[in-house]
Amino acid sequence: MRFLNKHSEWIVFSIGLLLLGTMNPENSGISLCFFDFIGIEFCPGEGLGRSISYTMKGDFSSALNAHLAGPAAVGILLSRIIHVCRNLYQQSKITK
């Protein structure tokens, strides 16, 4: 349990990026938008998952067309993963 408390953030972010990176952004499946569930047609995150998927595949023009925040979200998540892992590594060096 202690392992999950220390490592859950970078694990969840990494799995999310891996799943979005391997998904086919051309598929139109069900919407996971909360606003759609409650009956509001406008969804501010519409296309963000597709944009992240395109970004992970290196197709930046399609990523920006799907959602402007996609490439930034990938950068933020990657930098957070690196930051957390670096801190965990530094802590492990101190405690040894």
Protein backbone atom coordinates (compact mmCIF):
# COMPACT_ATOMS: atom_id res chain seq x y z
CA MET A 1 0.00 0.00 0.00
CA ARG A 2 2.88 2.35 0.76
CA PHE A 3 4.21 1.78 -2.76
CA LEU A 4 0.91 2.94 -4.30
CA ASN A 5 0.82 6.03 -2.11
CA LYS A 6 4.28 7.06 -3.31
CA HIS A 7 3.98 6.09 -6.96
CA SER A 8 0.32 6.42 -7.92
CA GLU A 9 0.60 9.84 -9.57
CA TRP A 10 3.29 9.03 -12.12
CA ILE A 11 1.81 5.57 -12.75
CA VAL A 12 -1.67 6.94 -13.50
CA PHE A 13 -0.32 9.71 -15.74
CA SER A 14 1.94 7.26 -17.60
CA ILE A 15 -0.85 4.75 -18.17
CA GLY A 16 -3.15 7.53 -19.38
CA LEU A 17 -0.58 8.79 -21.87
CA LEU A 18 0.16 5.25 -23.05
CA LEU A 19 -3.52 4.48 -23.57
CA LEU A 20 -4.17 7.75 -25.38
CA GLY A 21 -1.01 7.29 -27.42
CA THR A 22 -2.08 3.86 -28.62
CA MET A 23 -5.72 4.68 -29.32
CA ASN A 24 -6.97 5.39 -32.82
CA PRO A 25 -7.95 9.07 -32.80
CA GLU A 26 -10.15 8.56 -35.86
CA ASN A 27 -12.61 6.33 -33.95
CA SER A 28 -15.74 8.04 -32.78
CA GLY A 29 -16.85 6.14 -29.70
CA ILE A 30 -18.91 7.11 -26.70
CA SER A 31 -18.28 10.45 -25.08
CA LEU A 32 -16.82 10.52 -21.59
CA CYS A 33 -17.69 14.19 -21.11
CA PHE A 34 -19.53 14.94 -17.87
CA PHE A 35 -21.47 17.72 -19.60
CA ASP A 36 -22.83 15.25 -22.16
CA PHE A 37 -24.00 13.01 -19.33
CA ILE A 38 -26.02 15.80 -17.73
CA GLY A 39 -27.50 16.95 -21.03
CA ILE A 40 -25.38 19.99 -21.88
CA GLU A 41 -24.24 19.89 -25.50
CA PHE A 42 -21.11 22.05 -25.07
CA CYS A 43 -18.06 20.18 -23.75
CA PRO A 44 -14.92 22.28 -23.13
CA GLY A 45 -12.67 19.23 -23.39
CA GLU A 46 -14.19 17.97 -26.65
CA GLY A 47 -11.36 16.55 -28.74
CA LEU A 48 -8.70 16.71 -26.03
CA GLY A 49 -8.18 12.94 -25.98
CA ARG A 50 -7.87 12.87 -29.76
CA SER A 51 -5.48 15.80 -29.62
CA ILE A 52 -3.28 14.03 -27.07
CA SER A 53 -3.36 10.89 -29.22
CA TYR A 54 -2.30 12.83 -32.32
CA THR A 55 0.44 14.56 -30.31
CA MET A 56 1.80 11.24 -29.06
CA LYS A 57 1.92 10.06 -32.68
CA GLY A 58 3.76 13.24 -33.77
CA ASP A 59 0.88 14.64 -35.88
CA PHE A 60 0.88 18.15 -34.43
CA SER A 61 -1.31 19.82 -37.04
CA SER A 62 -4.12 17.29 -36.46
CA ALA A 63 -3.55 17.62 -32.71
CA LEU A 64 -4.04 21.38 -32.83
CA ASN A 65 -7.10 20.98 -35.04
CA ALA A 66 -8.67 18.54 -32.55
CA HIS A 67 -7.98 20.73 -29.46
CA LEU A 68 -5.46 23.51 -28.89
CA ALA A 69 -4.55 22.30 -25.40
CA GLY A 70 -3.55 18.75 -26.41
CA PRO A 71 0.16 19.31 -27.06
CA ALA A 72 0.43 21.46 -23.93
CA ALA A 73 -1.31 18.76 -21.88
CA VAL A 74 1.20 16.17 -23.09
CA GLY A 75 4.09 18.47 -22.16
CA ILE A 76 2.64 19.20 -18.73
CA LEU A 77 1.97 15.52 -17.99
CA LEU A 78 5.42 14.43 -19.17
CA SER A 79 7.12 17.14 -17.12
CA ARG A 80 5.09 16.14 -14.06
CA ILE A 81 6.00 12.47 -14.50
CA ILE A 82 9.69 13.40 -14.76
CA HIS A 83 9.46 15.73 -11.74
CA VAL A 84 7.78 13.11 -9.53
CA CYS A 85 10.21 10.36 -10.59
CA ARG A 86 13.19 12.64 -10.00
CA ASN A 87 11.93 13.51 -6.51
CA LEU A 88 11.34 9.85 -5.69
CA TYR A 89 14.87 9.01 -6.89
CA GLN A 90 16.38 11.81 -4.80
CA GLN A 91 14.44 10.65 -1.73
CA SER A 92 15.63 7.07 -2.23
CA LYS A 93 19.27 8.27 -2.37
CA ILE A 94 18.84 10.20 0.87
CA THR A 95 17.30 7.30 2.78
CA LYS A 96 20.00 4.79 1.78
